[in-house]
Amino acid sequence: MEHHIFGVGEVNQLVKLLLDGEPMLRGIYVRGELSNYKIYPSGHHYFTLKDPEGALRCVMFRGQASKLRFRPENGMRAVASGRVSVFPRDGAYQLYCDALTPEGAGDLAVAFEQLKARLYAEGLFDPSHKKPLPSYPETIAVVTSSAGAAVHDMIRILNRRYPLAKVVLLPVRVQGAEAPPEIAGAIRYADRWKIGDVIITGRGGGSMEDLWAFNDERVARAIYDCETPVISAVGHEPDVTIADFVADVRASTPSNAAEIAVPDRMELRRWLRDTEERVAQSQAARLESLRQRLEKLASNRVMTDQMAFVQDRRMELDHVQRRLGDVSGILTARRRERFSALAAALDAMSPLKVLGRGYAMAQNADGTVLRSYKDVSPGDHVSVKLGEGGISCTVNEAYKKERKR
């Protein structure tokens, strides 16, 4: 019996037909750990699902991958759904994924945490970037849906608390795929053209799916780039979105945002009344202090007796003059005593005193005092000064030692 010989491609096509015809493999769910996850320029995602018993190659084409709300990462446990088939060219079977969900947590929760961690690392939540709200805004720009109850609550509270402020509504969709670009565009428009002194963006409560537009990266970056202070007012108190982290101020509800944005006119009136009373009391106290000072000055001696000041200064001048005279006399006496002591010491050291005791001083012709026999020679003329008068002599002999007579 002759056997039919198949080509490789035919075998692959046959296996593909068998797998495609198996109902269990057309809508299968597979749990495993993501590995070798790669995104190609074409937009297709290629990865492997593995567990301790084996590994399964997977592919998710661009159309399905564009619907992912989180960023798949290696090591993440996930559940993939799709169909198992064969790629005839290489004969390898793989899972063609229609959807991919993180195991344990929903894809929205994972996407939220991933975006939150990435924006935090970039510094979009840095408190140093937060801008203070204006104390008395003239215009409030509200970026929200015009059909929701939240906008009516905000307008009502803003008008009640601070009717001086003008409210400008920039209507946008706050839910669905079109919402994020509309919200981001309205925020950038309001900031660029300075529509308001402060911007409020948000919506009423809902599920995480309903609030997802405010977890969009485009909205977060629009708020971060905004020079105008932004208040985020999304959902109810427990609801937290990425917009809340990036905004300059987070309000628990849209109504709370309206209360934060403007002061309360009743409180302003009370503050003005209190300030008026404090100013009046302060001025009254100041006037009383000035009156008492004026009375004190009016009763001062210099005001009742104009010459008293001159007389007091004249007495002080006489007193200072006497003190200067006393000091001058003391200094003169001390210097006189010092002069006498120095004169007596100088006189005691005078050569004339020595001469008066019987000594004589010999000088040569040019007046130099003779100190040694070597200073003269026989025949030189010298003069000798005595205690009284002097004599002129001629040297007969110069000797070192005194000769015996």
Protein backbone atom coordinates (compact mmCIF):
# COMPACT_ATOMS: atom_id res chain seq x y z
CA MET A 1 0.00 0.00 0.00
CA GLU A 2 1.45 3.33 -1.04
CA HIS A 3 1.54 6.01 1.72
CA HIS A 4 0.68 9.65 1.08
CA ILE A 5 3.67 11.87 1.71
CA PHE A 6 2.83 15.27 3.23
CA GLY A 7 4.85 18.42 2.85
CA VAL A 8 5.87 20.34 5.95
CA GLY A 9 3.47 23.13 5.19
CA GLU A 10 0.66 20.65 4.69
CA VAL A 11 1.31 19.10 8.09
CA ASN A 12 1.33 22.51 9.72
CA GLN A 13 -1.93 23.44 7.98
CA LEU A 14 -3.46 20.14 9.09
CA VAL A 15 -2.45 20.75 12.71
CA LYS A 16 -3.81 24.30 12.43
CA LEU A 17 -7.16 22.97 11.19
CA LEU A 18 -7.30 20.47 14.03
CA LEU A 19 -6.53 23.13 16.67
CA ASP A 20 -8.86 25.71 15.14
CA GLY A 21 -11.64 23.13 15.13
CA GLU A 22 -11.30 22.33 18.82
CA PRO A 23 -13.94 24.40 20.75
CA MET A 24 -11.97 24.30 24.01
CA LEU A 25 -9.02 26.02 22.34
CA ARG A 26 -11.07 28.86 20.79
CA GLY A 27 -11.96 30.67 24.04
CA ILE A 28 -9.37 29.43 26.46
CA TYR A 29 -8.08 31.22 29.58
CA VAL A 30 -4.48 30.56 30.61
CA ARG A 31 -2.83 31.61 33.89
CA GLY A 32 0.93 32.05 34.13
CA GLU A 33 3.90 34.33 34.66
CA LEU A 34 4.85 36.81 31.93
CA SER A 35 8.32 36.29 30.49
CA ASN A 36 10.33 37.68 27.54
CA TYR A 37 7.75 40.41 27.02
CA LYS A 38 8.58 42.45 23.90
CA ILE A 39 6.73 45.14 21.99
CA TYR A 40 7.72 45.41 18.34
CA PRO A 41 7.58 48.58 16.21
CA SER A 42 4.55 47.12 14.48
CA GLY A 43 2.65 47.42 17.78
CA HIS A 44 2.32 43.67 18.25
CA HIS A 45 3.18 42.20 21.69
CA TYR A 46 5.10 38.93 21.98
CA PHE A 47 5.64 37.13 25.27
CA THR A 48 5.69 33.78 27.03
CA LEU A 49 3.37 32.49 29.73
CA LYS A 50 5.09 30.02 32.01
CA ASP A 51 4.53 28.01 35.16
CA PRO A 52 6.53 25.20 36.84
CA GLU A 53 5.12 22.64 34.36
CA GLY A 54 5.76 24.40 31.07
CA ALA A 55 5.78 27.48 28.86
CA LEU A 56 3.42 28.80 26.17
CA ARG A 57 4.30 31.29 23.46
CA CYS A 58 1.77 34.09 23.08
CA VAL A 59 1.10 36.96 20.72
CA MET A 60 -1.24 39.92 21.06
CA PHE A 61 -1.77 41.95 17.93
CA ARG A 62 -1.79 45.73 17.90
CA GLY A 63 -5.58 46.07 17.87
CA GLN A 64 -6.04 44.08 21.05
CA ALA A 65 -2.87 45.46 22.68
CA SER A 66 -4.08 49.03 22.29
CA LYS A 67 -6.92 48.22 24.69
CA LEU A 68 -4.55 47.33 27.54
CA ARG A 69 -4.90 49.74 30.46
CA PHE A 70 -1.77 48.60 32.26
CA ARG A 71 1.81 47.97 31.19
CA PRO A 72 2.66 44.25 31.24
CA GLU A 73 6.02 43.51 32.86
CA ASN A 74 8.20 40.43 33.11
CA GLY A 75 7.50 38.46 36.26
CA MET A 76 3.90 39.65 36.52
CA ARG A 77 1.30 36.93 36.99
CA ALA A 78 -1.57 37.33 34.56
CA VAL A 79 -4.51 35.56 32.92
CA ALA A 80 -4.57 35.58 29.12
CA SER A 81 -7.61 34.71 27.04
CA GLY A 82 -7.77 33.87 23.37
CA ARG A 83 -7.36 30.94 21.00
CA VAL A 84 -4.60 28.41 20.51
CA SER A 85 -3.48 27.91 16.91
CA VAL A 86 -0.42 27.22 14.77
CA PHE A 87 1.62 29.66 12.75
CA PRO A 88 2.13 27.52 9.62
CA ARG A 89 5.40 29.13 8.60
CA ASP A 90 7.39 27.80 11.56
CA GLY A 91 5.01 25.12 12.82
CA ALA A 92 4.95 26.48 16.38
CA TYR A 93 1.66 26.66 18.15
CA GLN A 94 0.92 29.71 20.31
CA LEU A 95 -1.83 31.54 22.12
CA TYR A 96 -3.35 34.39 20.14
CA CYS A 97 -4.43 36.70 22.99
CA ASP A 98 -7.57 38.78 22.86
CA ALA A 99 -7.23 40.08 26.46
CA LEU A 100 -4.68 40.13 29.27
CA THR A 101 -5.58 40.72 32.91
CA PRO A 102 -3.27 40.88 35.95
CA GLU A 103 -3.98 38.07 38.36
CA GLY A 104 -5.31 39.08 41.77
CA ALA A 105 -5.98 42.73 40.93
CA GLY A 106 -7.93 44.29 38.12
CA ASP A 107 -6.14 45.79 35.16
CA LEU A 108 -7.30 49.27 36.17
CA ALA A 109 -5.81 48.92 39.64
CA VAL A 110 -2.50 47.74 38.20
CA ALA A 111 -2.48 50.50 35.60
CA PHE A 112 -3.20 53.05 38.33
CA GLU A 113 -0.30 51.90 40.51
CA GLN A 114 2.10 51.72 37.55
CA LEU A 115 1.29 55.23 36.36
CA LYS A 116 1.36 56.55 39.92
CA ALA A 117 4.85 55.09 40.51
CA ARG A 118 6.19 56.41 37.20
CA LEU A 119 4.86 59.95 37.63
CA TYR A 120 6.06 60.03 41.24
CA ALA A 121 9.56 59.09 40.07
CA GLU A 122 9.42 61.93 37.51
CA GLY A 123 8.55 64.44 40.27
CA LEU A 124 5.00 65.29 39.19
CA PHE A 125 3.78 64.88 42.79
CA ASP A 126 6.58 66.96 44.34
CA PRO A 127 5.14 69.35 46.99
CA SER A 128 7.66 72.02 45.95
CA HIS A 129 5.79 72.31 42.62
CA LYS A 130 2.45 73.02 44.30
CA LYS A 131 1.17 76.57 43.82
CA PRO A 132 -0.85 78.47 46.43
CA LEU A 133 -4.45 79.37 45.68
CA PRO A 134 -5.32 83.06 45.30
CA SER A 135 -7.02 84.48 48.38
CA TYR A 136 -9.63 86.46 46.46
CA PRO A 137 -10.02 85.08 42.91
CA GLU A 138 -11.92 87.19 40.41
CA THR A 139 -12.69 84.36 37.97
CA ILE A 140 -13.10 80.60 38.50
CA ALA A 141 -12.62 78.27 35.50
CA VAL A 142 -14.53 74.99 35.89
CA VAL A 143 -13.54 72.06 33.65
CA THR A 144 -16.24 69.40 33.95
CA SER A 145 -19.39 68.07 32.35
CA SER A 146 -22.17 70.58 31.85
CA ALA A 147 -24.81 67.88 32.37
CA GLY A 148 -23.77 66.50 35.74
CA ALA A 149 -25.04 67.47 39.16
CA ALA A 150 -21.50 68.31 40.26
CA VAL A 151 -21.26 71.48 38.15
CA HIS A 152 -24.58 72.78 39.49
CA ASP A 153 -23.46 72.18 43.07
CA MET A 154 -20.19 74.01 42.45
CA ILE A 155 -21.85 77.03 40.80
CA ARG A 156 -24.44 77.24 43.58
CA ILE A 157 -21.81 77.14 46.34
CA LEU A 158 -19.49 79.59 44.54
CA ASN A 159 -22.33 82.11 44.11
CA ARG A 160 -23.43 81.70 47.70
CA ARG A 161 -20.00 81.96 49.28
CA TYR A 162 -18.39 84.60 47.06
CA PRO A 163 -20.69 86.21 44.48
CA LEU A 164 -17.93 88.64 43.46
CA ALA A 165 -16.18 85.83 41.57
CA LYS A 166 -17.16 85.11 37.97
CA VAL A 167 -17.61 81.42 37.05
CA VAL A 168 -16.57 80.28 33.55
CA LEU A 169 -17.59 76.74 32.57
CA LEU A 170 -15.51 74.80 30.04
CA PRO A 171 -17.78 71.80 29.28
CA VAL A 172 -16.04 68.50 28.57
CA ARG A 173 -16.86 64.82 28.65
CA VAL A 174 -15.69 63.22 31.88
CA GLN A 175 -16.17 59.58 30.94
CA GLY A 176 -15.21 57.44 27.98
CA ALA A 177 -12.28 57.29 25.57
CA GLU A 178 -12.82 60.88 24.37
CA ALA A 179 -12.80 62.36 27.87
CA PRO A 180 -9.02 62.50 28.64
CA PRO A 181 -8.00 64.57 25.58
CA GLU A 182 -10.97 66.91 26.09
CA ILE A 183 -10.14 67.46 29.78
CA ALA A 184 -6.43 67.96 29.09
CA GLY A 185 -7.20 70.33 26.20
CA ALA A 186 -9.62 72.42 28.28
CA ILE A 187 -7.08 72.74 31.11
CA ARG A 188 -4.34 73.84 28.71
CA TYR A 189 -6.72 76.29 27.02
CA ALA A 190 -7.81 77.81 30.33
CA ASP A 191 -4.21 78.19 31.43
CA ARG A 192 -2.89 79.59 28.16
CA TRP A 193 -5.56 82.27 27.85
CA LYS A 194 -5.80 82.94 31.60
CA ILE A 195 -9.50 82.16 31.69
CA GLY A 196 -9.52 82.01 35.48
CA ASP A 197 -7.38 82.79 38.52
CA VAL A 198 -7.92 79.19 39.60
CA ILE A 199 -9.06 76.07 37.71
CA ILE A 200 -11.38 73.42 39.17
CA THR A 201 -11.54 70.11 37.31
CA GLY A 202 -13.43 67.00 38.33
CA ARG A 203 -16.73 65.18 38.33
CA GLY A 204 -19.14 63.41 40.64
CA GLY A 205 -18.63 59.99 42.14
CA GLY A 206 -18.65 56.66 40.36
CA SER A 207 -16.75 53.45 39.88
CA MET A 208 -13.07 53.33 39.09
CA GLU A 209 -14.05 52.79 35.46
CA ASP A 210 -16.21 55.93 35.55
CA LEU A 211 -13.41 58.04 37.07
CA TRP A 212 -10.68 56.64 34.83
CA ALA A 213 -10.41 59.76 32.66
CA PHE A 214 -8.77 61.52 35.63
CA ASN A 215 -6.19 58.70 35.87
CA ASP A 216 -5.01 59.41 32.33
CA GLU A 217 -1.40 60.52 31.88
CA ARG A 218 -2.43 63.28 29.45
CA VAL A 219 -4.63 64.89 32.07
CA ALA A 220 -1.92 64.54 34.73
CA ARG A 221 0.70 66.26 32.56
CA ALA A 222 -1.71 69.04 31.56
CA ILE A 223 -2.31 69.78 35.25
CA TYR A 224 1.44 69.65 36.03
CA ASP A 225 2.30 72.05 33.18
CA CYS A 226 -0.42 74.47 34.23
CA GLU A 227 0.76 77.84 35.59
CA THR A 228 -2.69 78.55 37.01
CA PRO A 229 -3.42 76.82 40.35
CA VAL A 230 -5.54 73.71 39.85
CA ILE A 231 -7.99 72.10 42.28
CA SER A 232 -8.82 68.44 41.62
CA ALA A 233 -12.34 67.45 42.67
CA VAL A 234 -13.04 63.89 41.55
CA GLY A 235 -15.71 61.65 43.06
CA HIS A 236 -16.28 61.30 46.79
CA GLU A 237 -13.96 61.35 49.81
CA PRO A 238 -12.57 57.77 49.38
CA ASP A 239 -11.97 58.20 45.64
CA VAL A 240 -8.37 59.01 44.74
CA THR A 241 -7.11 59.64 41.21
CA ILE A 242 -3.80 60.56 39.61
CA ALA A 243 -5.18 64.07 39.07
CA ASP A 244 -5.49 64.43 42.86
CA PHE A 245 -1.77 63.74 43.30
CA VAL A 246 -0.67 66.17 40.58
CA ALA A 247 -3.07 69.03 41.34
CA ASP A 248 -2.02 71.91 43.58
CA VAL A 249 -4.94 71.18 45.94
CA ARG A 250 -7.09 68.07 46.25
CA ALA A 251 -10.75 68.47 47.21
CA SER A 252 -12.73 65.56 48.60
CA THR A 253 -15.77 66.40 46.45
CA PRO A 254 -16.72 68.99 43.80
CA SER A 255 -18.68 70.87 46.47
CA ASN A 256 -15.60 70.92 48.70
CA ALA A 257 -13.59 72.30 45.77
CA ALA A 258 -15.96 75.25 45.52
CA GLU A 259 -15.56 75.89 49.25
CA ILE A 260 -11.76 75.77 48.95
CA ALA A 261 -11.56 77.99 45.88
CA VAL A 262 -13.22 81.09 47.35
CA PRO A 263 -13.60 82.68 50.78
CA ASP A 264 -16.94 82.82 52.58
CA ARG A 265 -18.49 86.26 52.35
CA MET A 266 -20.05 85.87 55.80
CA GLU A 267 -16.64 85.15 57.30
CA LEU A 268 -15.20 88.11 55.36
CA ARG A 269 -17.87 90.38 56.82
CA ARG A 270 -17.12 89.17 60.34
CA TRP A 271 -13.41 89.64 59.72
CA LEU A 272 -14.00 93.17 58.41
CA ARG A 273 -16.14 94.05 61.45
CA ASP A 274 -13.53 92.65 63.82
CA THR A 275 -10.78 94.49 61.96
CA GLU A 276 -12.77 97.73 62.09
CA GLU A 277 -13.21 97.36 65.85
CA ARG A 278 -9.54 96.57 66.38
CA VAL A 279 -8.48 99.56 64.27
CA ALA A 280 -10.87 101.85 66.15
CA GLN A 281 -9.60 100.59 69.52
CA SER A 282 -6.00 100.92 68.39
CA GLN A 283 -6.52 104.50 67.19
CA ALA A 284 -8.36 105.43 70.39
CA ALA A 285 -5.53 104.03 72.49
CA ARG A 286 -2.97 105.86 70.35
CA LEU A 287 -4.85 109.15 70.67
CA GLU A 288 -5.08 108.70 74.44
CA SER A 289 -1.35 108.03 74.63
CA LEU A 290 -0.61 111.14 72.55
CA ARG A 291 -2.94 113.22 74.74
CA GLN A 292 -1.16 112.08 77.90
CA ARG A 293 2.19 112.80 76.32
CA LEU A 294 1.04 116.27 75.30
CA GLU A 295 -0.14 116.99 78.84
CA LYS A 296 3.15 115.81 80.25
CA LEU A 297 5.09 118.01 77.84
CA ALA A 298 2.86 120.99 78.57
CA SER A 299 3.57 120.65 82.30
CA ASN A 300 7.30 120.30 81.78
CA ARG A 301 9.49 123.06 83.27
CA VAL A 302 10.97 123.93 79.88
CA MET A 303 7.49 124.83 78.66
CA THR A 304 6.58 126.94 81.74
CA ASP A 305 9.98 128.64 82.19
CA GLN A 306 11.76 129.12 78.87
CA MET A 307 15.03 130.34 80.48
CA ALA A 308 15.22 127.35 82.84
CA PHE A 309 16.93 125.27 80.22
CA VAL A 310 19.56 127.94 79.53
CA GLN A 311 20.18 128.43 83.24
CA ASP A 312 20.56 124.71 83.84
CA ARG A 313 23.06 124.46 80.99
CA ARG A 314 24.93 127.50 82.33
CA MET A 315 25.29 125.84 85.74
CA GLU A 316 26.51 122.67 84.11
CA LEU A 317 29.03 124.72 82.11
CA ASP A 318 30.36 126.36 85.29
CA HIS A 319 30.65 122.98 86.94
CA VAL A 320 32.55 121.57 83.95
CA GLN A 321 34.78 124.65 83.86
CA ARG A 322 35.71 124.20 87.52
CA ARG A 323 36.45 120.55 87.00
CA LEU A 324 38.65 121.38 84.02
CA GLY A 325 40.54 123.98 86.09
CA ASP A 326 41.11 121.48 88.89
CA VAL A 327 42.31 118.83 86.51
CA SER A 328 44.57 121.28 84.70
CA GLY A 329 46.17 122.41 88.02
CA ILE A 330 46.78 118.81 89.07
CA LEU A 331 48.38 117.95 85.73
CA THR A 332 50.59 121.09 85.85
CA ALA A 333 51.83 120.29 89.38
CA ARG A 334 52.63 116.71 88.42
CA ARG A 335 54.60 117.82 85.36
CA ARG A 336 56.46 120.46 87.41
CA GLU A 337 57.52 117.84 89.95
CA ARG A 338 58.65 115.50 87.17
CA PHE A 339 60.64 118.34 85.53
CA SER A 340 62.42 119.17 88.79
CA ALA A 341 63.35 115.51 89.31
CA LEU A 342 64.71 115.18 85.80
CA ALA A 343 66.66 118.49 86.10
CA ALA A 344 68.25 117.34 89.38
CA ALA A 345 69.23 113.99 87.83
CA LEU A 346 70.69 115.75 84.81
CA ASP A 347 72.62 118.20 86.98
CA ALA A 348 74.06 115.33 89.02
CA MET A 349 75.43 113.79 85.84
CA SER A 350 76.95 117.09 84.57
CA PRO A 351 80.78 117.08 84.04
CA LEU A 352 80.92 120.47 85.71
CA LYS A 353 79.93 118.86 88.99
CA VAL A 354 82.86 116.46 88.64
CA LEU A 355 85.24 119.32 87.90
CA GLY A 356 84.06 121.14 91.00
CA ARG A 357 85.35 118.25 93.12
CA GLY A 358 88.98 118.87 91.93
CA TYR A 359 89.07 116.95 88.69
CA ALA A 360 90.12 118.42 85.33
CA MET A 361 89.19 117.70 81.68
CA ALA A 362 91.82 117.81 78.92
CA GLN A 363 91.04 118.55 75.29
CA ASN A 364 93.15 118.69 72.15
CA ALA A 365 93.17 121.57 69.72
CA ASP A 366 89.91 120.53 67.97
CA GLY A 367 88.05 120.17 71.30
CA THR A 368 88.12 116.39 71.52
CA VAL A 369 88.28 115.13 75.10
CA LEU A 370 91.49 113.24 75.75
CA ARG A 371 90.93 109.74 77.16
CA SER A 372 94.33 108.14 76.67
CA TYR A 373 98.00 109.10 76.54
CA LYS A 374 97.94 107.83 72.98
CA ASP A 375 95.69 110.74 71.94
CA VAL A 376 98.61 113.27 72.20
CA SER A 377 102.27 113.51 71.35
CA PRO A 378 105.06 115.64 72.85
CA GLY A 379 104.75 119.21 71.65
CA ASP A 380 100.97 119.11 71.17
CA HIS A 381 98.97 121.96 72.63
CA VAL A 382 96.14 120.96 74.94
CA SER A 383 93.70 122.90 77.05
CA VAL A 384 92.72 121.79 80.53
CA LYS A 385 89.36 122.78 81.93
CA LEU A 386 89.21 123.11 85.70
CA GLY A 387 86.39 123.52 88.17
CA GLU A 388 87.02 127.28 87.84
CA GLY A 389 88.59 128.46 84.60
CA GLY A 390 91.19 126.51 82.62
CA ILE A 391 94.84 126.45 81.49
CA SER A 392 96.65 126.03 78.15
CA CYS A 393 99.54 123.56 78.15
CA THR A 394 102.21 122.06 75.89
CA VAL A 395 102.79 118.32 76.13
CA ASN A 396 106.37 117.49 77.14
CA GLU A 397 105.89 113.76 77.53
CA ALA A 398 103.07 111.16 77.19
CA TYR A 399 103.37 108.06 79.34
CA LYS A 400 101.16 105.11 80.22
CA LYS A 401 101.76 104.86 83.96
CA GLU A 402 102.06 107.60 86.46
CA ARG A 403 105.77 108.26 87.27
CA LYS A 404 106.95 108.32 90.81
CA ARG A 405 108.05 111.71 92.02
